[in-house]
N, C-alpha and C. Protein backbone atom coordinates (compact mmCIF):
# COMPACT_ATOMS: atom_id res chain seq x y z
N MET A 1 16.32 -7.13 16.42
CA MET A 1 16.47 -6.07 17.33
C MET A 1 17.08 -5.09 16.66
N ALA A 2 16.73 -3.62 17.10
CA ALA A 2 17.63 -2.96 16.34
C ALA A 2 19.19 -2.47 16.84
N GLN A 3 20.04 -2.12 16.19
CA GLN A 3 21.39 -1.78 16.36
C GLN A 3 21.39 -1.04 17.58
N THR A 4 22.28 -0.63 18.27
CA THR A 4 22.26 0.52 19.27
C THR A 4 23.31 1.75 18.29
N ALA A 5 23.37 2.80 18.87
CA ALA A 5 23.88 3.85 18.46
C ALA A 5 25.56 3.40 18.20
N GLU A 6 26.32 2.73 19.08
CA GLU A 6 27.34 2.10 19.09
C GLU A 6 27.78 1.32 18.09
N THR A 7 26.71 0.12 17.76
CA THR A 7 26.93 -0.80 16.74
C THR A 7 26.74 -0.60 15.59
N ARG A 8 25.45 0.37 15.33
CA ARG A 8 25.12 0.86 13.92
C ARG A 8 26.01 1.18 13.01
N VAL A 9 25.86 0.56 11.81
CA VAL A 9 26.58 0.67 10.53
C VAL A 9 26.70 2.07 10.22
N ARG A 10 27.60 2.92 10.08
CA ARG A 10 27.34 4.14 9.25
C ARG A 10 27.53 3.67 7.56
N MET A 11 25.97 4.53 7.24
CA MET A 11 25.68 4.62 5.70
C MET A 11 25.59 5.89 5.31
N ALA A 12 25.94 5.93 3.76
CA ALA A 12 25.23 7.19 3.14
C ALA A 12 23.81 7.26 3.22
N PRO A 13 23.16 8.14 3.18
CA PRO A 13 21.76 8.57 3.49
C PRO A 13 20.63 7.37 2.22
N GLU A 14 21.38 7.47 0.94
CA GLU A 14 21.00 6.77 -0.35
C GLU A 14 20.98 5.41 0.00
N ALA A 15 21.95 4.88 0.53
CA ALA A 15 22.56 3.04 0.66
C ALA A 15 21.49 2.84 1.92
N ARG A 16 21.32 3.90 2.85
CA ARG A 16 20.70 3.31 3.96
C ARG A 16 19.06 3.26 3.52
N LYS A 17 18.48 4.16 2.89
CA LYS A 17 17.27 4.10 2.31
C LYS A 17 16.86 3.00 1.01
N THR A 18 17.99 2.56 0.51
CA THR A 18 17.95 1.62 -0.58
C THR A 18 17.98 0.26 0.19
N LEU A 19 18.89 0.10 1.55
CA LEU A 19 18.84 -1.01 2.25
C LEU A 19 17.20 -1.20 2.93
N ILE A 20 16.47 -0.39 3.49
CA ILE A 20 15.13 -0.13 3.83
C ILE A 20 14.05 -0.60 2.88
N ARG A 21 14.46 -0.24 1.63
CA ARG A 21 13.28 -0.59 0.63
C ARG A 21 13.69 -2.08 0.27
N THR A 22 15.07 -2.70 0.39
CA THR A 22 15.05 -4.14 0.18
C THR A 22 14.42 -4.92 1.16
N VAL A 23 14.56 -4.41 2.33
CA VAL A 23 14.34 -5.15 3.55
C VAL A 23 12.69 -5.06 3.57
N ALA A 24 12.15 -3.76 3.38
CA ALA A 24 10.71 -4.00 3.05
C ALA A 24 9.89 -4.56 1.90
N ARG A 25 10.92 -4.87 1.48
CA ARG A 25 10.07 -5.65 -0.14
C ARG A 25 10.07 -7.08 0.36
N GLU A 26 11.40 -7.60 1.11
CA GLU A 26 11.17 -9.32 2.17
C GLU A 26 10.18 -9.07 2.48
N VAL A 27 9.92 -8.21 3.50
CA VAL A 27 8.86 -8.49 4.66
C VAL A 27 7.44 -8.57 4.13
N PHE A 28 7.52 -7.21 3.25
CA PHE A 28 6.13 -7.48 2.61
C PHE A 28 5.29 -8.52 1.80
N ALA A 29 6.55 -8.99 1.28
CA ALA A 29 6.41 -10.08 0.16
C ALA A 29 6.37 -11.42 1.07
N GLU A 30 7.01 -11.75 1.96
CA GLU A 30 6.84 -12.58 3.08
C GLU A 30 5.28 -12.60 3.88
N ARG A 31 5.06 -11.65 4.63
CA ARG A 31 3.96 -11.26 5.24
C ARG A 31 2.85 -10.42 4.66
N GLY A 32 2.86 -9.87 3.83
CA GLY A 32 1.93 -8.85 3.21
C GLY A 32 1.57 -7.34 4.11
N TYR A 33 1.10 -6.77 3.33
CA TYR A 33 0.90 -5.33 3.80
C TYR A 33 -0.19 -5.45 5.20
N ALA A 34 -0.79 -5.69 5.28
CA ALA A 34 -1.80 -5.85 6.39
C ALA A 34 -1.08 -6.28 7.40
N ALA A 35 -0.17 -7.34 7.41
CA ALA A 35 0.33 -8.13 8.50
C ALA A 35 1.74 -7.38 9.07
N THR A 36 2.25 -6.66 8.30
CA THR A 36 3.74 -6.01 8.18
C THR A 36 3.26 -4.95 9.00
N GLY A 37 4.12 -4.26 10.00
CA GLY A 37 4.53 -3.20 10.87
C GLY A 37 6.02 -2.55 10.57
N LEU A 38 5.88 -1.58 11.01
CA LEU A 38 7.18 -0.57 10.61
C LEU A 38 8.33 -1.04 11.73
N ALA A 39 7.75 -1.80 12.51
CA ALA A 39 8.64 -2.02 13.68
C ALA A 39 8.99 -3.33 13.40
N GLU A 40 8.77 -4.37 12.46
CA GLU A 40 9.45 -5.35 12.26
C GLU A 40 10.03 -5.04 10.88
N ILE A 41 9.84 -4.00 10.31
CA ILE A 41 10.99 -3.79 8.84
C ILE A 41 11.84 -3.29 9.71
N ALA A 42 11.90 -2.19 10.69
CA ALA A 42 13.12 -1.63 11.20
C ALA A 42 13.79 -2.51 12.14
N GLU A 43 13.23 -3.69 12.72
CA GLU A 43 14.02 -4.61 13.12
C GLU A 43 15.20 -5.65 12.27
N ARG A 44 14.32 -5.98 11.34
CA ARG A 44 14.94 -6.61 9.85
C ARG A 44 16.01 -5.89 9.58
N GLY A 45 15.96 -4.44 9.53
CA GLY A 45 16.91 -3.56 8.63
C GLY A 45 17.73 -3.35 9.51
N GLN A 46 17.57 -3.38 11.12
CA GLN A 46 18.87 -2.69 12.14
C GLN A 46 18.70 -1.75 12.04
N VAL A 47 17.46 -0.81 11.99
CA VAL A 47 17.26 0.73 12.00
C VAL A 47 16.38 0.85 13.10
N SER A 48 16.18 2.15 13.42
CA SER A 48 15.05 2.63 14.03
C SER A 48 13.87 3.05 13.45
N LYS A 49 12.31 2.73 14.08
CA LYS A 49 11.29 3.76 13.58
C LYS A 49 11.40 4.93 13.01
N THR A 50 12.05 5.61 13.80
CA THR A 50 12.40 7.01 13.95
C THR A 50 12.97 7.15 12.49
N LEU A 51 13.77 6.37 12.01
CA LEU A 51 14.70 6.50 11.14
C LEU A 51 14.02 6.10 9.86
N LEU A 52 13.00 5.00 10.09
CA LEU A 52 12.14 4.63 8.92
C LEU A 52 11.13 6.47 8.39
N TYR A 53 10.79 6.61 9.62
CA TYR A 53 9.95 7.92 8.93
C TYR A 53 10.64 8.61 8.76
N HIS A 54 11.80 8.94 8.84
CA HIS A 54 12.95 10.06 8.38
C HIS A 54 12.64 10.11 6.86
N TYR A 55 13.02 8.65 6.39
CA TYR A 55 12.96 8.94 5.05
C TYR A 55 11.82 8.18 4.63
N PHE A 56 10.43 7.84 5.22
CA PHE A 56 9.41 7.70 4.70
C PHE A 56 8.22 8.33 5.94
N PRO A 57 8.35 9.53 5.36
CA PRO A 57 7.56 10.15 6.56
C PRO A 57 5.89 9.82 6.68
N ASP A 58 5.39 9.44 5.48
CA ASP A 58 4.30 9.07 5.29
C ASP A 58 4.20 7.64 5.85
N GLY A 59 4.92 7.02 6.22
CA GLY A 59 4.75 5.28 6.90
C GLY A 59 4.99 4.55 5.77
N ARG A 60 4.05 3.55 6.24
CA ARG A 60 3.71 2.12 5.88
C ARG A 60 3.30 2.37 4.34
N PRO A 61 2.65 3.07 4.01
CA PRO A 61 2.08 3.12 2.38
C PRO A 61 2.91 3.83 1.47
N GLU A 62 3.86 4.75 2.04
CA GLU A 62 4.83 5.33 1.62
C GLU A 62 6.13 4.42 0.68
N LEU A 63 6.30 3.37 2.09
CA LEU A 63 7.23 2.35 2.11
C LEU A 63 6.87 1.54 1.03
N LEU A 64 5.86 1.19 1.11
CA LEU A 64 5.13 0.30 -0.16
C LEU A 64 4.98 0.42 -1.29
N VAL A 65 4.96 1.87 -1.37
CA VAL A 65 4.98 2.43 -3.07
C VAL A 65 6.53 2.23 -3.17
N ALA A 66 7.04 2.58 -2.46
CA ALA A 66 8.69 2.94 -2.81
C ALA A 66 9.27 1.47 -3.63
N VAL A 67 8.64 0.27 -2.68
CA VAL A 67 9.01 -0.64 -3.08
C VAL A 67 8.46 -1.22 -4.60
N MET A 68 7.02 -1.10 -4.33
CA MET A 68 6.23 -1.33 -5.91
C MET A 68 7.19 -0.81 -7.06
N ASP A 69 7.52 0.82 -6.59
CA ASP A 69 8.24 1.34 -7.81
C ASP A 69 9.48 0.75 -7.94
N ASP A 70 10.48 0.27 -7.19
CA ASP A 70 11.76 -0.52 -7.41
C ASP A 70 11.12 -1.95 -8.14
N VAL A 71 10.12 -2.45 -8.00
CA VAL A 71 10.07 -3.83 -8.47
C VAL A 71 9.48 -3.48 -9.86
N LEU A 72 8.66 -2.57 -10.22
CA LEU A 72 8.30 -1.97 -11.80
C LEU A 72 9.32 -1.53 -12.51
N THR A 73 10.31 -1.12 -11.83
CA THR A 73 11.60 -0.59 -12.74
C THR A 73 12.05 -1.39 -13.28
N GLU A 74 12.42 -2.59 -12.68
CA GLU A 74 13.08 -4.04 -12.87
C GLU A 74 12.25 -4.50 -14.01
N LEU A 75 11.09 -4.88 -13.62
CA LEU A 75 10.10 -5.26 -14.81
C LEU A 75 10.15 -4.38 -16.02
N MET A 76 10.05 -3.35 -15.78
CA MET A 76 10.00 -2.59 -17.46
C MET A 76 10.97 -2.56 -17.94
N ALA A 77 12.37 -2.64 -17.42
CA ALA A 77 13.48 -2.42 -17.88
C ALA A 77 13.40 -4.07 -18.71
N GLU A 78 12.89 -5.10 -17.80
CA GLU A 78 13.53 -6.35 -18.73
C GLU A 78 12.27 -6.59 -19.88
N THR A 79 10.98 -5.84 -20.02
CA THR A 79 9.95 -5.89 -20.74
C THR A 79 10.40 -5.17 -22.10
N ARG A 80 11.13 -3.92 -21.67
CA ARG A 80 11.41 -2.76 -22.86
C ARG A 80 12.54 -3.61 -23.73
N ALA A 81 13.25 -4.20 -22.77
CA ALA A 81 14.63 -4.53 -23.63
C ALA A 81 14.12 -5.85 -24.86
N ALA A 82 12.66 -6.49 -24.27
CA ALA A 82 12.41 -7.67 -25.02
C ALA A 82 11.59 -6.98 -26.27
N LEU A 83 10.73 -5.84 -26.07
CA LEU A 83 10.23 -5.28 -27.22
C LEU A 83 11.09 -4.71 -28.17
N ALA A 84 12.27 -4.27 -28.00
CA ALA A 84 13.22 -3.41 -28.81
C ALA A 84 13.97 -4.51 -29.53
N VAL A 85 13.89 -5.79 -29.54
CA VAL A 85 14.73 -6.88 -30.64
C VAL A 85 14.21 -6.47 -31.83
N PRO A 86 15.03 -6.34 -33.05
CA PRO A 86 14.58 -6.22 -34.42
C PRO A 86 13.51 -7.30 -35.18
N PHE A 87 12.85 -7.65 -34.12
CA PHE A 87 11.84 -9.02 -34.95
C PHE A 87 10.79 -8.28 -35.29
N GLY A 88 9.83 -9.26 -36.32
CA GLY A 88 8.61 -9.12 -36.39
C GLY A 88 7.56 -9.17 -34.87
N VAL A 89 6.55 -8.55 -35.23
CA VAL A 89 5.62 -8.27 -34.37
C VAL A 89 5.26 -9.91 -33.46
N ASN A 90 5.06 -10.82 -34.16
CA ASN A 90 4.82 -11.99 -33.40
C ASN A 90 5.99 -12.40 -32.32
N ARG A 91 7.46 -12.30 -32.91
CA ARG A 91 8.63 -12.82 -32.31
C ARG A 91 8.25 -11.75 -30.98
N LYS A 92 8.30 -10.49 -31.32
CA LYS A 92 8.29 -9.45 -30.02
C LYS A 92 7.04 -10.06 -29.00
N ILE A 93 5.82 -10.21 -29.72
CA ILE A 93 4.94 -10.68 -28.57
C ILE A 93 5.20 -11.93 -27.67
N GLU A 94 5.93 -13.05 -28.47
CA GLU A 94 6.52 -14.00 -27.81
C GLU A 94 7.81 -13.51 -26.80
N GLY A 95 8.66 -13.01 -27.35
CA GLY A 95 9.52 -12.39 -26.18
C GLY A 95 8.92 -11.98 -25.22
N LEU A 96 8.26 -10.67 -25.29
CA LEU A 96 7.56 -10.39 -24.31
C LEU A 96 7.15 -11.20 -22.82
N VAL A 97 6.16 -11.89 -23.69
CA VAL A 97 5.61 -13.15 -22.74
C VAL A 97 6.51 -13.68 -21.86
N ASP A 98 7.65 -14.27 -22.55
CA ASP A 98 8.82 -15.09 -22.17
C ASP A 98 9.17 -14.38 -21.34
N THR A 99 9.76 -13.09 -21.58
CA THR A 99 10.11 -12.13 -20.44
C THR A 99 9.26 -11.97 -19.09
N PHE A 100 8.18 -11.60 -19.48
CA PHE A 100 7.27 -11.29 -18.50
C PHE A 100 7.22 -12.55 -17.80
N MET A 101 7.23 -13.97 -18.03
CA MET A 101 6.80 -14.87 -17.05
C MET A 101 8.02 -15.18 -16.71
N SER A 102 9.08 -15.18 -17.46
CA SER A 102 10.66 -15.34 -16.25
C SER A 102 10.81 -14.60 -15.40
N PHE A 103 10.61 -13.25 -15.46
CA PHE A 103 10.91 -12.22 -14.37
C PHE A 103 10.13 -12.49 -13.32
N LEU A 104 8.31 -13.01 -13.59
CA LEU A 104 7.80 -13.20 -12.20
C LEU A 104 8.29 -14.48 -11.69
N GLU A 105 8.55 -15.37 -12.55
CA GLU A 105 9.41 -17.03 -11.72
C GLU A 105 10.88 -16.53 -11.18
N ARG A 106 11.24 -15.75 -11.64
CA ARG A 106 12.75 -15.22 -10.85
C ARG A 106 12.40 -14.63 -9.64
N ASN A 107 11.28 -13.85 -9.52
CA ASN A 107 11.05 -13.14 -8.62
C ASN A 107 9.41 -13.01 -8.58
N PRO A 108 9.07 -14.06 -7.44
CA PRO A 108 8.00 -14.36 -7.32
C PRO A 108 7.51 -13.14 -6.50
N ASP A 109 8.18 -12.45 -5.70
CA ASP A 109 7.43 -11.23 -4.92
C ASP A 109 6.97 -10.36 -5.60
N ALA A 110 7.25 -9.97 -6.84
CA ALA A 110 6.86 -9.26 -7.76
C ALA A 110 5.52 -9.27 -8.17
N PHE A 111 5.11 -10.33 -8.45
CA PHE A 111 3.69 -10.78 -8.73
C PHE A 111 2.77 -9.99 -7.63
N ARG A 112 3.15 -10.20 -6.26
CA ARG A 112 2.38 -10.01 -5.22
C ARG A 112 2.31 -9.03 -4.88
N LEU A 113 3.72 -7.94 -4.97
CA LEU A 113 3.65 -7.01 -4.58
C LEU A 113 3.17 -5.86 -5.37
N LEU A 114 3.21 -5.82 -6.47
CA LEU A 114 2.69 -5.34 -7.71
C LEU A 114 1.25 -5.72 -8.02
N PHE A 115 0.65 -6.52 -8.32
CA PHE A 115 -0.38 -7.21 -8.91
C PHE A 115 -1.42 -7.54 -7.68
N ARG A 116 -0.90 -8.53 -6.87
CA ARG A 116 -2.04 -9.19 -5.63
C ARG A 116 -2.39 -8.27 -4.23
N GLU A 117 -1.23 -7.83 -3.79
CA GLU A 117 -1.37 -7.05 -2.35
C GLU A 117 -2.18 -5.79 -2.43
N PRO A 118 -1.46 -4.64 -3.60
CA PRO A 118 -2.04 -3.66 -3.37
C PRO A 118 -3.76 -3.35 -3.34
N TRP A 119 -4.39 -4.16 -3.76
CA TRP A 119 -5.89 -4.28 -3.75
C TRP A 119 -6.41 -4.11 -2.15
N GLY A 120 -5.87 -5.11 -1.48
CA GLY A 120 -6.70 -5.11 0.10
C GLY A 120 -6.18 -4.33 0.94
N SER A 121 -5.12 -3.58 0.66
CA SER A 121 -4.32 -2.60 1.43
C SER A 121 -5.19 -1.72 2.09
N GLY A 122 -6.59 -1.05 1.05
CA GLY A 122 -7.10 -0.13 1.63
C GLY A 122 -6.58 1.36 1.53
N GLU A 123 -5.71 1.37 1.06
CA GLU A 123 -5.11 2.68 1.10
C GLU A 123 -4.90 3.17 -0.55
N PRO A 124 -5.69 4.27 -1.01
CA PRO A 124 -5.72 4.78 -2.32
C PRO A 124 -4.58 5.02 -3.04
N ARG A 125 -3.58 5.43 -2.35
CA ARG A 125 -2.34 5.74 -2.72
C ARG A 125 -1.61 4.27 -3.34
N ILE A 126 -1.63 3.23 -2.80
CA ILE A 126 -1.43 2.26 -2.95
C ILE A 126 -1.97 1.66 -4.12
N ILE A 127 -3.24 1.39 -4.08
CA ILE A 127 -4.15 0.99 -4.97
C ILE A 127 -3.69 1.63 -6.56
N ARG A 128 -3.51 3.11 -6.30
CA ARG A 128 -3.50 3.96 -7.59
C ARG A 128 -2.14 3.27 -8.42
N ARG A 129 -1.34 3.20 -7.28
CA ARG A 129 -0.02 2.84 -7.97
C ARG A 129 0.13 1.67 -8.63
N ALA A 130 -0.40 0.71 -7.99
CA ALA A 130 -0.74 -0.73 -8.61
C ALA A 130 -1.72 -0.41 -10.34
N VAL A 131 -2.78 0.39 -10.03
CA VAL A 131 -3.29 0.81 -11.52
C VAL A 131 -2.11 1.37 -12.48
N GLU A 132 -1.54 1.93 -11.62
CA GLU A 132 -0.47 2.78 -13.03
C GLU A 132 0.77 1.70 -13.32
N ALA A 133 0.77 0.52 -12.69
CA ALA A 133 1.58 -0.28 -12.94
C ALA A 133 1.09 -1.09 -13.80
N GLN A 134 -0.27 -1.51 -13.89
CA GLN A 134 -1.04 -2.07 -15.17
C GLN A 134 -1.01 -1.21 -16.27
N VAL A 135 -1.27 0.46 -16.00
CA VAL A 135 -1.05 1.13 -17.40
C VAL A 135 0.06 1.13 -18.08
N GLN A 136 1.18 1.04 -17.21
CA GLN A 136 2.50 1.09 -17.86
C GLN A 136 3.08 -0.12 -18.52
N LEU A 137 2.35 -1.16 -17.57
CA LEU A 137 2.63 -2.47 -18.73
C LEU A 137 1.93 -2.50 -20.07
N ALA A 138 0.58 -1.84 -20.06
CA ALA A 138 -0.18 -1.38 -21.02
C ALA A 138 0.43 -0.47 -22.60
N THR A 139 1.16 0.36 -21.76
CA THR A 139 1.94 1.16 -22.78
C THR A 139 2.92 0.77 -23.55
N GLU A 140 3.54 -0.45 -22.85
CA GLU A 140 4.73 -1.20 -23.51
C GLU A 140 3.99 -1.89 -24.62
N LEU A 141 2.67 -2.61 -24.29
CA LEU A 141 2.16 -3.08 -25.34
C LEU A 141 1.76 -2.78 -26.39
N ILE A 142 1.32 -1.48 -26.36
CA ILE A 142 0.63 -0.41 -27.35
C ILE A 142 1.49 -0.60 -28.67
N SER A 143 2.80 -0.42 -28.81
CA SER A 143 3.39 -0.63 -29.98
C SER A 143 3.39 -1.94 -30.65
N PRO A 144 3.18 -3.21 -30.16
CA PRO A 144 3.15 -4.33 -30.87
C PRO A 144 1.80 -4.40 -31.57
N LEU A 145 0.64 -4.02 -30.81
CA LEU A 145 -0.81 -4.39 -31.07
C LEU A 145 -1.16 -3.11 -31.81
N ALA A 146 -0.32 -2.10 -32.17
CA ALA A 146 -0.82 -0.93 -32.87
C ALA A 146 -0.45 -1.16 -34.57
N SER A 147 0.31 -2.62 -34.21
CA SER A 147 0.53 -2.64 -35.86
C SER A 147 -0.83 -3.66 -36.52
N SER A 148 -1.86 -3.59 -35.39
CA SER A 148 -3.03 -4.35 -36.39
C SER A 148 -3.66 -3.14 -37.14
N GLY A 149 -3.71 -2.04 -36.83
CA GLY A 149 -4.36 -1.12 -37.39
C GLY A 149 -5.62 -0.67 -37.14
N ALA A 150 -6.18 -1.27 -35.82
CA ALA A 150 -7.23 -1.38 -34.98
C ALA A 150 -7.73 0.26 -34.57
N PRO A 151 -8.69 0.91 -34.64
CA PRO A 151 -8.78 2.22 -34.11
C PRO A 151 -8.61 2.36 -32.74
N GLY A 152 -8.39 3.27 -32.05
CA GLY A 152 -7.86 3.56 -30.96
C GLY A 152 -8.92 3.03 -29.73
N PRO A 153 -9.82 2.78 -29.86
CA PRO A 153 -10.62 2.39 -28.92
C PRO A 153 -10.57 0.74 -28.63
N VAL A 154 -10.36 0.25 -29.93
CA VAL A 154 -10.30 -1.12 -30.05
C VAL A 154 -8.94 -1.67 -29.43
N LEU A 155 -8.06 -1.06 -29.83
CA LEU A 155 -7.04 -0.97 -29.22
C LEU A 155 -6.57 -0.72 -27.90
N LEU A 156 -7.38 0.01 -27.17
CA LEU A 156 -7.15 0.36 -26.24
C LEU A 156 -7.71 -0.85 -25.35
N ALA A 157 -8.61 -1.44 -25.77
CA ALA A 157 -9.76 -2.50 -25.10
C ALA A 157 -8.63 -3.59 -25.49
N ALA A 158 -7.92 -3.75 -26.75
CA ALA A 158 -7.27 -5.00 -26.58
C ALA A 158 -6.14 -5.01 -25.71
N THR A 159 -5.57 -3.84 -25.48
CA THR A 159 -4.14 -3.78 -24.70
C THR A 159 -4.66 -4.12 -23.06
N SER A 160 -5.65 -3.42 -22.73
CA SER A 160 -6.29 -3.78 -21.78
C SER A 160 -6.54 -5.22 -20.97
N GLY A 161 -7.17 -6.19 -22.05
CA GLY A 161 -7.40 -7.16 -21.99
C GLY A 161 -6.08 -8.02 -22.30
N THR A 162 -4.85 -7.87 -23.45
CA THR A 162 -3.96 -8.40 -22.92
C THR A 162 -3.07 -8.35 -21.63
N VAL A 163 -3.34 -7.16 -21.26
CA VAL A 163 -2.72 -7.67 -19.78
C VAL A 163 -3.37 -8.21 -18.90
N GLY A 164 -4.47 -8.42 -19.01
CA GLY A 164 -5.39 -9.21 -18.11
C GLY A 164 -4.85 -10.61 -18.06
N LEU A 165 -4.87 -11.22 -19.36
CA LEU A 165 -4.59 -12.07 -20.11
C LEU A 165 -3.24 -12.57 -19.43
N LEU A 166 -2.25 -11.83 -19.39
CA LEU A 166 -0.54 -11.71 -18.85
C LEU A 166 -0.86 -12.13 -17.23
N LEU A 167 -1.74 -11.28 -16.47
CA LEU A 167 -1.99 -11.52 -15.28
C LEU A 167 -2.37 -12.54 -14.90
N ALA A 168 -3.53 -12.77 -15.60
CA ALA A 168 -4.37 -14.24 -15.06
C ALA A 168 -3.25 -15.56 -15.37
N THR A 169 -2.71 -15.69 -16.40
CA THR A 169 -1.51 -16.55 -16.85
C THR A 169 -0.68 -16.63 -16.01
N ALA A 170 -0.32 -15.53 -15.31
CA ALA A 170 1.26 -15.61 -14.43
C ALA A 170 0.48 -16.09 -13.13
N GLU A 171 -0.32 -15.77 -12.64
CA GLU A 171 -0.93 -16.54 -11.32
C GLU A 171 -1.19 -17.72 -11.20
N LEU A 172 -1.46 -18.51 -12.96
CA LEU A 172 -1.59 -19.80 -12.84
C LEU A 172 -0.33 -20.55 -13.03
N LEU A 173 0.87 -19.65 -13.51
CA LEU A 173 2.24 -20.27 -13.88
C LEU A 173 2.61 -20.28 -12.07
N LEU A 174 2.33 -19.07 -11.35
CA LEU A 174 3.14 -18.91 -9.84
C LEU A 174 2.59 -19.75 -9.01
N ALA A 175 1.19 -20.56 -9.38
CA ALA A 175 0.40 -21.57 -8.40
C ALA A 175 0.84 -22.89 -8.90
N GLY A 176 1.76 -22.84 -10.10
CA GLY A 176 2.18 -24.18 -10.28
C GLY A 176 0.87 -25.01 -11.01
N GLN A 177 -0.29 -24.52 -11.59
CA GLN A 177 -1.30 -25.15 -12.08
C GLN A 177 -0.88 -25.41 -13.75
N VAL A 178 0.20 -24.58 -14.12
CA VAL A 178 0.41 -24.81 -15.69
C VAL A 178 2.46 -24.56 -15.52
N ASP A 179 2.76 -25.08 -16.50
CA ASP A 179 4.47 -24.94 -16.51
C ASP A 179 4.63 -23.50 -17.66
N ARG A 180 6.20 -23.08 -17.65
CA ARG A 180 5.87 -21.88 -18.22
C ARG A 180 6.17 -22.00 -19.66
N GLU A 181 6.68 -23.22 -20.32
CA GLU A 181 6.34 -23.31 -21.82
C GLU A 181 5.08 -23.53 -22.39
N VAL A 182 4.17 -23.90 -21.37
CA VAL A 182 2.56 -23.98 -21.93
C VAL A 182 2.07 -22.62 -21.70
N THR A 183 2.26 -22.02 -20.47
CA THR A 183 2.12 -20.44 -20.34
C THR A 183 2.41 -19.67 -21.26
N VAL A 184 3.60 -19.69 -22.02
CA VAL A 184 3.99 -18.63 -22.68
C VAL A 184 3.62 -18.96 -24.16
N ALA A 185 3.69 -20.07 -24.35
CA ALA A 185 2.58 -20.51 -25.90
C ALA A 185 1.60 -20.25 -26.00
N THR A 186 0.84 -20.34 -24.89
CA THR A 186 -0.94 -20.54 -25.06
C THR A 186 -0.67 -18.49 -25.29
N ALA A 187 -0.67 -18.05 -24.06
CA ALA A 187 -0.60 -16.63 -23.60
C ALA A 187 0.14 -15.98 -25.13
N SER A 188 1.06 -16.18 -26.06
CA SER A 188 1.62 -15.73 -27.12
C SER A 188 0.74 -15.97 -28.38
N ARG A 189 -0.03 -17.44 -28.51
CA ARG A 189 -0.69 -17.39 -29.45
C ARG A 189 -2.14 -16.91 -29.12
N TYR A 190 -2.54 -16.97 -28.07
CA TYR A 190 -3.78 -15.94 -27.76
C TYR A 190 -3.90 -14.46 -27.93
N ILE A 191 -2.51 -13.66 -27.77
CA ILE A 191 -2.30 -12.44 -28.15
C ILE A 191 -2.51 -12.20 -29.72
N ILE A 192 -1.57 -13.35 -30.04
CA ILE A 192 -1.23 -12.98 -31.68
C ILE A 192 -2.38 -13.33 -32.40
N GLY A 193 -3.21 -14.51 -31.95
CA GLY A 193 -4.58 -14.40 -32.75
C GLY A 193 -5.44 -13.71 -32.63
N GLY A 194 -5.89 -12.92 -31.51
CA GLY A 194 -6.48 -11.98 -31.21
C GLY A 194 -6.06 -10.47 -32.26
N LEU A 195 -4.54 -10.09 -31.91
CA LEU A 195 -4.16 -9.34 -32.93
C LEU A 195 -4.07 -9.34 -34.61
N ALA A 196 -4.21 -10.85 -34.80
CA ALA A 196 -4.68 -11.04 -36.15
C ALA A 196 -6.35 -10.63 -36.49
N GLN A 197 -7.11 -10.52 -35.57
CA GLN A 197 -8.83 -10.49 -35.85
C GLN A 197 -8.80 -9.03 -35.28
N LEU A 198 -8.10 -8.32 -34.70
CA LEU A 198 -8.25 -6.61 -34.57
C LEU A 198 -8.02 -6.47 -36.20
N GLY A 199 -6.98 -6.62 -37.06
CA GLY A 199 -6.91 -6.49 -38.41
C GLY A 199 -7.72 -6.54 -39.39
N SER A 200 -8.71 -7.52 -39.06
CA SER A 200 -9.54 -7.89 -39.92
C SER A 200 -10.98 -6.95 -40.01
């Protein structure tokens, strides 16, 4: 139940907004977008629905997009760090795949919130953000793949395929169908092998 005015803890607006996004992330990940109402998020976050609408005037879609932005920021920070290491292309790709899979294992809600849940939402704004998340991931991959010397359209197709491979293998990993060592080794070899073929 939401706290009363007498018991509600005073928080700075940004801290309150962060708390709401954190709670929303938990609830969306547990129940899914379609089964989650703002009343449930408000109750768990011990705020009123009015306050939720104050911070997120467009309601549930805006709140899920904000949560997706938080998750994507965390994921991109780790993938950028993996690609920034001073290694050759193959090691960078292996590091990226390992980092991506490790992040999703530690944050299984991230996969659901960024790559699975948006498509069933029926909300154009949410779907657009999911597409943008995949584009951001592809953008990070362009640098190591570009070293193949492949023409732009081939590179674009290869990058898109690589993102698809990462998502498909991540789903197998999170479903417990393959372990992380197999996932990382197989996906890395597949990407590296494809990269070698692009240059031929």
